[in-house]
């Protein structure tokens, strides 16, 4: 099995490999130690990325290493979720294209289908928080097409 598969004791086992699992990640800010971007791609629903409190916009992205065909993104929000956010993709980490826009997010687990998208980098770009706190994701998962 590839290193991009589910880890026992973590989230429900997916039918497709999570391309983001243990990949490189970066974020606009972090709340503090133990809330780094890598915590949202480690396959563990007990750890999380959390941005600095009280400011918009904030973002987190994952570097898949090479350009890959993408089928969907799954976001596992902590209580500090985004009401408005975009999923953006890039092949170079500098020039971003919007592939999804949410204007009425309510947190929880969000499954976002992507159609005919290929990219190396995938970003959650939050523009409006649902709470007074920052943004916080237990997991930021990226899956190939079915």
N, C-alpha and C. Protein backbone atom coordinates (compact mmCIF):
# COMPACT_ATOMS: atom_id res chain seq x y z
N UNK A 1 0.82 -1.19 0.00
CA UNK A 1 0.00 0.00 0.00
C UNK A 1 0.87 1.25 0.00
N UNK A 2 0.38 2.25 -0.65
CA UNK A 2 1.05 3.55 -0.71
C UNK A 2 1.02 4.22 0.65
N UNK A 3 1.90 5.18 0.89
CA UNK A 3 1.92 5.94 2.12
C UNK A 3 0.76 6.92 2.22
N UNK A 4 -0.07 7.02 1.19
CA UNK A 4 -1.18 7.96 1.20
C UNK A 4 -2.50 7.31 1.58
N UNK A 5 -2.46 6.21 2.30
CA UNK A 5 -3.69 5.56 2.71
C UNK A 5 -4.02 5.91 4.15
N UNK A 6 -5.23 5.62 4.51
CA UNK A 6 -5.79 5.85 5.83
C UNK A 6 -4.94 5.18 6.91
N UNK A 7 -4.96 5.79 8.09
CA UNK A 7 -4.25 5.22 9.23
C UNK A 7 -5.27 4.61 10.19
N UNK A 8 -5.02 3.41 10.70
CA UNK A 8 -5.95 2.80 11.66
C UNK A 8 -6.20 3.73 12.84
N UNK A 9 -7.43 3.76 13.31
CA UNK A 9 -7.78 4.59 14.46
C UNK A 9 -8.09 6.03 14.10
N UNK A 10 -8.06 6.36 12.82
CA UNK A 10 -8.34 7.74 12.42
C UNK A 10 -9.73 7.82 11.82
N UNK A 11 -9.91 8.74 10.90
CA UNK A 11 -11.22 8.94 10.27
C UNK A 11 -11.68 7.66 9.56
N UNK A 12 -12.95 7.64 9.18
CA UNK A 12 -13.51 6.50 8.47
C UNK A 12 -12.65 6.17 7.24
N UNK A 13 -12.41 4.90 7.02
CA UNK A 13 -11.54 4.50 5.92
C UNK A 13 -12.14 4.90 4.57
N UNK A 14 -11.42 5.71 3.81
CA UNK A 14 -11.94 6.12 2.51
C UNK A 14 -11.77 5.02 1.46
N UNK A 15 -12.57 5.10 0.40
CA UNK A 15 -12.45 4.11 -0.67
C UNK A 15 -11.34 4.49 -1.65
N UNK A 16 -10.91 5.74 -1.63
CA UNK A 16 -9.83 6.23 -2.48
C UNK A 16 -8.69 6.74 -1.61
N UNK A 17 -7.45 6.74 -2.11
CA UNK A 17 -6.34 7.26 -1.30
C UNK A 17 -6.44 8.77 -1.10
N UNK A 18 -6.14 9.21 0.10
CA UNK A 18 -6.08 10.63 0.42
C UNK A 18 -4.73 11.16 -0.08
N UNK A 19 -4.76 11.91 -1.16
CA UNK A 19 -3.52 12.41 -1.77
C UNK A 19 -2.78 13.39 -0.87
N UNK A 20 -3.49 14.03 0.05
CA UNK A 20 -2.88 15.04 0.92
C UNK A 20 -2.22 14.44 2.16
N UNK A 21 -2.52 13.21 2.49
CA UNK A 21 -2.03 12.61 3.73
C UNK A 21 -0.51 12.68 3.83
N UNK A 22 -0.03 13.37 4.86
CA UNK A 22 1.39 13.53 5.17
C UNK A 22 2.19 14.26 4.09
N UNK A 23 1.52 15.00 3.22
CA UNK A 23 2.21 15.83 2.23
C UNK A 23 2.69 17.10 2.92
N UNK A 24 3.41 17.94 2.20
CA UNK A 24 3.84 19.23 2.75
C UNK A 24 2.65 20.17 2.78
N UNK A 25 2.62 21.05 3.77
CA UNK A 25 1.52 22.00 3.89
C UNK A 25 2.04 23.33 4.40
N UNK A 26 1.28 24.39 4.13
CA UNK A 26 1.61 25.72 4.62
C UNK A 26 0.32 26.45 4.95
N UNK A 27 0.40 27.45 5.83
CA UNK A 27 -0.78 28.22 6.21
C UNK A 27 -0.41 29.69 6.39
N UNK A 28 -1.43 30.53 6.30
CA UNK A 28 -1.24 31.97 6.45
C UNK A 28 -0.82 32.34 7.86
N UNK A 29 -1.28 31.59 8.85
CA UNK A 29 -0.92 31.83 10.25
C UNK A 29 -1.26 30.60 11.06
N UNK A 30 -0.76 30.55 12.29
CA UNK A 30 -1.13 29.48 13.21
C UNK A 30 -1.43 30.09 14.57
N UNK A 31 -2.34 29.44 15.27
CA UNK A 31 -2.72 29.90 16.61
C UNK A 31 -1.57 29.77 17.59
N UNK A 32 -0.74 28.74 17.41
CA UNK A 32 0.38 28.52 18.30
C UNK A 32 0.97 27.14 18.08
N UNK A 33 1.90 26.77 18.94
CA UNK A 33 2.54 25.46 18.86
C UNK A 33 1.46 24.38 18.94
N UNK A 34 1.60 23.34 18.13
CA UNK A 34 0.69 22.20 18.02
C UNK A 34 -0.52 22.48 17.14
N UNK A 35 -0.55 23.62 16.45
CA UNK A 35 -1.65 23.93 15.53
C UNK A 35 -1.13 24.23 14.12
N UNK A 36 0.03 23.68 13.78
CA UNK A 36 0.65 23.92 12.48
C UNK A 36 -0.16 23.30 11.35
N UNK A 37 0.10 23.76 10.13
CA UNK A 37 -0.63 23.28 8.94
C UNK A 37 -0.55 21.76 8.80
N UNK A 38 0.59 21.18 9.11
CA UNK A 38 0.78 19.74 8.96
C UNK A 38 -0.21 18.92 9.80
N UNK A 39 -0.76 19.53 10.85
CA UNK A 39 -1.70 18.83 11.72
C UNK A 39 -3.02 18.53 11.02
N UNK A 40 -3.31 19.25 9.93
CA UNK A 40 -4.57 19.04 9.19
C UNK A 40 -4.43 18.01 8.08
N UNK A 41 -3.24 17.46 7.91
CA UNK A 41 -3.04 16.46 6.85
C UNK A 41 -2.35 15.21 7.39
N UNK A 42 -2.49 14.99 8.71
CA UNK A 42 -1.80 13.87 9.35
C UNK A 42 -2.67 12.64 9.55
N UNK A 43 -3.94 12.68 9.10
CA UNK A 43 -4.82 11.52 9.24
C UNK A 43 -5.37 11.32 10.64
N UNK A 44 -5.17 12.29 11.53
CA UNK A 44 -5.57 12.17 12.93
C UNK A 44 -6.65 13.21 13.24
N UNK A 45 -7.85 12.76 13.56
CA UNK A 45 -8.95 13.68 13.88
C UNK A 45 -8.85 14.27 15.29
N UNK A 46 -7.76 13.99 16.00
CA UNK A 46 -7.54 14.59 17.32
C UNK A 46 -6.62 15.81 17.23
N UNK A 47 -5.93 15.97 16.11
CA UNK A 47 -5.05 17.13 15.93
C UNK A 47 -5.68 18.05 14.89
N UNK A 48 -5.20 19.31 14.82
CA UNK A 48 -5.82 20.25 13.89
C UNK A 48 -4.90 21.42 13.59
N UNK A 49 -5.17 22.05 12.43
CA UNK A 49 -4.59 23.35 12.12
C UNK A 49 -5.55 24.40 12.64
N UNK A 50 -5.03 25.45 13.25
CA UNK A 50 -5.85 26.58 13.69
C UNK A 50 -5.11 27.86 13.32
N UNK A 51 -5.82 28.77 12.66
CA UNK A 51 -5.23 30.05 12.29
C UNK A 51 -5.23 30.99 13.50
N UNK A 52 -4.53 32.10 13.35
CA UNK A 52 -4.60 33.15 14.36
C UNK A 52 -6.05 33.60 14.49
N UNK A 53 -6.41 34.08 15.66
CA UNK A 53 -7.80 34.46 15.90
C UNK A 53 -8.16 35.80 15.26
N UNK A 54 -9.43 35.88 14.87
CA UNK A 54 -10.06 37.15 14.57
C UNK A 54 -9.70 37.91 13.33
N UNK A 55 -9.15 37.28 12.30
CA UNK A 55 -8.86 38.05 11.09
C UNK A 55 -9.15 37.25 9.84
N UNK A 56 -9.58 37.95 8.82
CA UNK A 56 -9.83 37.38 7.50
C UNK A 56 -8.97 38.14 6.49
N UNK A 57 -8.54 37.54 5.42
CA UNK A 57 -8.67 36.12 5.09
C UNK A 57 -7.56 35.30 5.76
N UNK A 58 -7.75 33.99 5.76
CA UNK A 58 -6.74 33.03 6.22
C UNK A 58 -6.79 31.85 5.26
N UNK A 59 -5.66 31.15 5.14
CA UNK A 59 -5.62 30.02 4.20
C UNK A 59 -4.70 28.92 4.69
N UNK A 60 -4.93 27.75 4.12
CA UNK A 60 -4.05 26.59 4.29
C UNK A 60 -3.99 25.89 2.94
N UNK A 61 -2.78 25.46 2.57
CA UNK A 61 -2.69 24.66 1.33
C UNK A 61 -1.80 23.45 1.54
N UNK A 62 -2.03 22.48 0.67
CA UNK A 62 -1.24 21.25 0.66
C UNK A 62 -0.52 21.15 -0.68
N UNK A 63 0.72 20.70 -0.64
CA UNK A 63 1.54 20.47 -1.83
C UNK A 63 1.55 18.97 -2.08
N UNK A 64 0.92 18.55 -3.17
CA UNK A 64 0.81 17.13 -3.50
C UNK A 64 2.08 16.57 -4.12
N UNK A 65 3.09 17.41 -4.35
CA UNK A 65 4.38 16.96 -4.87
C UNK A 65 4.50 17.01 -6.37
N UNK A 66 3.45 16.60 -7.07
CA UNK A 66 3.39 16.66 -8.53
C UNK A 66 1.94 16.99 -8.91
N UNK A 67 1.74 17.37 -10.15
CA UNK A 67 0.38 17.63 -10.63
C UNK A 67 -0.38 16.31 -10.66
N UNK A 68 -1.57 16.31 -10.06
CA UNK A 68 -2.40 15.10 -9.99
C UNK A 68 -3.83 15.44 -10.40
N UNK A 69 -4.53 14.46 -10.94
CA UNK A 69 -5.96 14.61 -11.21
C UNK A 69 -6.70 14.60 -9.88
N UNK A 70 -7.63 15.54 -9.70
CA UNK A 70 -8.35 15.69 -8.44
C UNK A 70 -9.82 15.42 -8.63
N UNK A 71 -10.42 14.71 -7.68
CA UNK A 71 -11.84 14.40 -7.76
C UNK A 71 -12.68 15.09 -6.70
N UNK A 72 -12.08 15.30 -5.50
CA UNK A 72 -12.84 15.94 -4.43
C UNK A 72 -11.92 16.38 -3.30
N UNK A 73 -12.48 17.26 -2.48
CA UNK A 73 -11.83 17.73 -1.25
C UNK A 73 -12.81 17.46 -0.12
N UNK A 74 -12.30 16.99 1.01
CA UNK A 74 -13.12 16.80 2.21
C UNK A 74 -12.49 17.63 3.33
N UNK A 75 -13.31 18.50 3.92
CA UNK A 75 -12.87 19.34 5.03
C UNK A 75 -13.57 18.88 6.30
N UNK A 76 -12.78 18.60 7.33
CA UNK A 76 -13.30 18.26 8.66
C UNK A 76 -13.09 19.48 9.54
N UNK A 77 -14.13 20.31 9.67
CA UNK A 77 -14.02 21.54 10.45
C UNK A 77 -14.11 21.28 11.94
N UNK A 78 -13.34 22.01 12.70
CA UNK A 78 -13.49 22.11 14.14
C UNK A 78 -14.61 23.13 14.35
N UNK A 79 -14.94 23.51 15.56
CA UNK A 79 -16.02 24.46 15.80
C UNK A 79 -15.76 25.82 15.15
N UNK A 80 -14.51 26.16 14.93
CA UNK A 80 -14.15 27.42 14.26
C UNK A 80 -14.09 27.16 12.76
N UNK A 81 -15.21 27.36 12.08
CA UNK A 81 -15.36 27.01 10.68
C UNK A 81 -15.47 28.27 9.80
N UNK A 82 -15.53 28.05 8.50
CA UNK A 82 -15.68 29.14 7.55
C UNK A 82 -17.10 29.17 7.01
N UNK A 83 -17.71 30.35 7.02
CA UNK A 83 -19.00 30.56 6.36
C UNK A 83 -18.75 30.75 4.87
N UNK A 84 -17.72 31.54 4.55
CA UNK A 84 -17.36 31.78 3.15
C UNK A 84 -15.90 31.38 2.94
N UNK A 85 -15.69 30.56 1.91
CA UNK A 85 -14.33 30.15 1.55
C UNK A 85 -14.31 29.69 0.11
N UNK A 86 -13.10 29.59 -0.41
CA UNK A 86 -12.89 29.07 -1.76
C UNK A 86 -11.92 27.90 -1.68
N UNK A 87 -12.07 26.97 -2.60
CA UNK A 87 -11.02 25.99 -2.84
C UNK A 87 -10.32 26.48 -4.10
N UNK A 88 -9.02 26.63 -3.99
CA UNK A 88 -8.20 27.11 -5.09
C UNK A 88 -7.14 26.07 -5.41
N UNK A 89 -6.71 26.04 -6.67
CA UNK A 89 -5.66 25.12 -7.09
C UNK A 89 -4.58 25.88 -7.86
N UNK A 90 -3.38 25.28 -7.89
CA UNK A 90 -2.25 25.89 -8.57
C UNK A 90 -1.28 24.79 -8.99
N UNK A 91 -0.54 25.05 -10.04
CA UNK A 91 0.53 24.13 -10.44
C UNK A 91 1.89 24.64 -9.99
N UNK A 92 1.97 25.94 -9.61
CA UNK A 92 3.26 26.53 -9.23
C UNK A 92 3.30 27.11 -7.82
N UNK A 93 2.18 27.12 -7.11
CA UNK A 93 2.13 27.66 -5.75
C UNK A 93 2.05 29.18 -5.70
N UNK A 94 1.98 29.83 -6.85
CA UNK A 94 1.91 31.29 -6.91
C UNK A 94 0.65 31.80 -7.59
N UNK A 95 0.26 31.15 -8.67
CA UNK A 95 -0.91 31.55 -9.45
C UNK A 95 -2.06 30.59 -9.13
N UNK A 96 -3.12 31.12 -8.51
CA UNK A 96 -4.21 30.29 -8.01
C UNK A 96 -5.48 30.48 -8.84
N UNK A 97 -6.22 29.38 -9.01
CA UNK A 97 -7.49 29.38 -9.74
C UNK A 97 -8.59 28.89 -8.81
N UNK A 98 -9.70 29.62 -8.73
CA UNK A 98 -10.84 29.18 -7.93
C UNK A 98 -11.53 28.01 -8.63
N UNK A 99 -11.77 26.93 -7.89
CA UNK A 99 -12.50 25.79 -8.45
C UNK A 99 -13.77 25.49 -7.67
N UNK A 100 -13.96 26.17 -6.54
CA UNK A 100 -15.17 26.01 -5.73
C UNK A 100 -15.32 27.24 -4.85
N UNK A 101 -16.54 27.67 -4.63
CA UNK A 101 -16.81 28.80 -3.76
C UNK A 101 -18.00 28.47 -2.86
N UNK A 102 -17.80 28.61 -1.55
CA UNK A 102 -18.86 28.37 -0.56
C UNK A 102 -19.27 29.73 0.01
N UNK A 103 -20.57 29.98 0.06
CA UNK A 103 -21.05 31.25 0.60
C UNK A 103 -21.94 31.08 1.82
N UNK A 104 -22.21 29.83 2.21
CA UNK A 104 -23.10 29.59 3.34
C UNK A 104 -22.66 28.34 4.10
N UNK A 105 -21.36 28.24 4.41
CA UNK A 105 -20.84 27.08 5.11
C UNK A 105 -21.36 26.99 6.53
N UNK A 106 -21.50 25.75 7.01
CA UNK A 106 -22.01 25.55 8.37
C UNK A 106 -21.11 24.63 9.20
N UNK A 107 -19.89 24.38 8.72
CA UNK A 107 -18.96 23.55 9.47
C UNK A 107 -19.20 22.07 9.29
N UNK A 108 -18.78 21.29 10.28
CA UNK A 108 -18.92 19.84 10.19
C UNK A 108 -17.98 19.27 9.16
N UNK A 109 -18.42 18.23 8.47
CA UNK A 109 -17.63 17.62 7.41
C UNK A 109 -18.24 18.05 6.08
N UNK A 110 -17.43 18.66 5.23
CA UNK A 110 -17.89 19.11 3.92
C UNK A 110 -17.17 18.34 2.83
N UNK A 111 -17.95 17.71 1.96
CA UNK A 111 -17.41 17.02 0.78
C UNK A 111 -17.63 17.91 -0.42
N UNK A 112 -16.56 18.23 -1.12
CA UNK A 112 -16.60 19.18 -2.23
C UNK A 112 -16.14 18.47 -3.50
N UNK A 113 -17.05 18.26 -4.45
CA UNK A 113 -16.65 17.62 -5.71
C UNK A 113 -15.87 18.59 -6.58
N UNK A 114 -14.86 18.06 -7.27
CA UNK A 114 -14.09 18.83 -8.24
C UNK A 114 -14.20 18.11 -9.57
N UNK A 115 -14.49 18.83 -10.62
CA UNK A 115 -14.66 18.21 -11.94
C UNK A 115 -13.58 18.66 -12.89
N UNK A 116 -12.91 17.70 -13.50
CA UNK A 116 -11.87 17.99 -14.51
C UNK A 116 -10.81 18.95 -14.00
N UNK A 117 -10.31 18.70 -12.79
CA UNK A 117 -9.30 19.56 -12.17
C UNK A 117 -8.02 18.75 -11.98
N UNK A 118 -6.90 19.35 -12.36
CA UNK A 118 -5.59 18.79 -12.07
C UNK A 118 -4.74 19.90 -11.46
N UNK A 119 -3.96 19.56 -10.45
CA UNK A 119 -3.13 20.57 -9.80
C UNK A 119 -2.12 19.90 -8.88
N UNK A 120 -1.10 20.66 -8.52
CA UNK A 120 -0.12 20.21 -7.54
C UNK A 120 -0.47 20.73 -6.14
N UNK A 121 -0.99 21.96 -6.08
CA UNK A 121 -1.33 22.61 -4.82
C UNK A 121 -2.84 22.77 -4.70
N UNK A 122 -3.37 22.53 -3.49
CA UNK A 122 -4.79 22.71 -3.23
C UNK A 122 -4.92 23.56 -1.97
N UNK A 123 -5.72 24.63 -2.05
CA UNK A 123 -5.82 25.60 -0.96
C UNK A 123 -7.27 25.80 -0.52
N UNK A 124 -7.46 25.89 0.81
CA UNK A 124 -8.71 26.39 1.38
C UNK A 124 -8.42 27.84 1.73
N UNK A 125 -9.14 28.76 1.07
CA UNK A 125 -8.94 30.19 1.26
C UNK A 125 -10.18 30.76 1.96
N UNK A 126 -10.09 30.96 3.27
CA UNK A 126 -11.23 31.42 4.06
C UNK A 126 -11.37 32.93 4.02
N UNK A 127 -12.58 33.40 3.73
CA UNK A 127 -12.82 34.85 3.65
C UNK A 127 -13.81 35.36 4.71
N UNK A 128 -14.58 34.46 5.34
CA UNK A 128 -15.47 34.89 6.42
C UNK A 128 -15.64 33.77 7.43
N UNK A 129 -15.29 34.06 8.67
CA UNK A 129 -15.37 33.09 9.75
C UNK A 129 -16.80 32.93 10.25
N UNK A 130 -17.10 31.75 10.74
CA UNK A 130 -18.42 31.48 11.30
C UNK A 130 -18.48 31.74 12.79
N UNK A 131 -17.35 32.04 13.42
CA UNK A 131 -17.27 32.31 14.85
C UNK A 131 -16.29 33.47 15.05
N UNK A 132 -16.20 34.00 16.27
CA UNK A 132 -15.22 35.07 16.51
C UNK A 132 -13.76 34.58 16.47
N UNK A 133 -13.59 33.26 16.49
CA UNK A 133 -12.25 32.67 16.50
C UNK A 133 -11.66 32.63 15.10
N UNK A 134 -10.50 32.03 14.96
CA UNK A 134 -9.89 31.86 13.64
C UNK A 134 -10.56 30.72 12.89
N UNK A 135 -9.83 30.15 11.94
CA UNK A 135 -10.29 28.99 11.19
C UNK A 135 -9.59 27.77 11.77
N UNK A 136 -10.25 26.62 11.72
CA UNK A 136 -9.65 25.43 12.30
C UNK A 136 -10.15 24.17 11.58
N UNK A 137 -9.20 23.38 11.09
CA UNK A 137 -9.52 22.14 10.38
C UNK A 137 -8.84 20.96 11.06
N UNK A 138 -9.65 19.93 11.39
CA UNK A 138 -9.08 18.68 11.88
C UNK A 138 -8.35 17.97 10.75
N UNK A 139 -8.99 17.94 9.58
CA UNK A 139 -8.37 17.30 8.42
C UNK A 139 -8.75 18.03 7.14
N UNK A 140 -7.80 18.09 6.24
CA UNK A 140 -7.95 18.67 4.90
C UNK A 140 -7.52 17.56 3.96
N UNK A 141 -8.51 16.87 3.37
CA UNK A 141 -8.24 15.69 2.56
C UNK A 141 -8.48 16.01 1.08
N UNK A 142 -7.68 15.40 0.22
CA UNK A 142 -7.80 15.57 -1.23
C UNK A 142 -7.81 14.18 -1.86
N UNK A 143 -8.81 13.94 -2.71
CA UNK A 143 -8.96 12.62 -3.32
C UNK A 143 -8.91 12.68 -4.84
N UNK A 144 -8.45 11.60 -5.47
CA UNK A 144 -8.45 11.53 -6.94
C UNK A 144 -9.87 11.28 -7.45
N UNK A 145 -10.08 11.37 -8.74
CA UNK A 145 -11.42 11.04 -9.29
C UNK A 145 -11.75 9.58 -9.05
N UNK A 146 -13.04 9.25 -9.02
CA UNK A 146 -13.48 7.86 -8.86
C UNK A 146 -13.08 7.04 -10.08
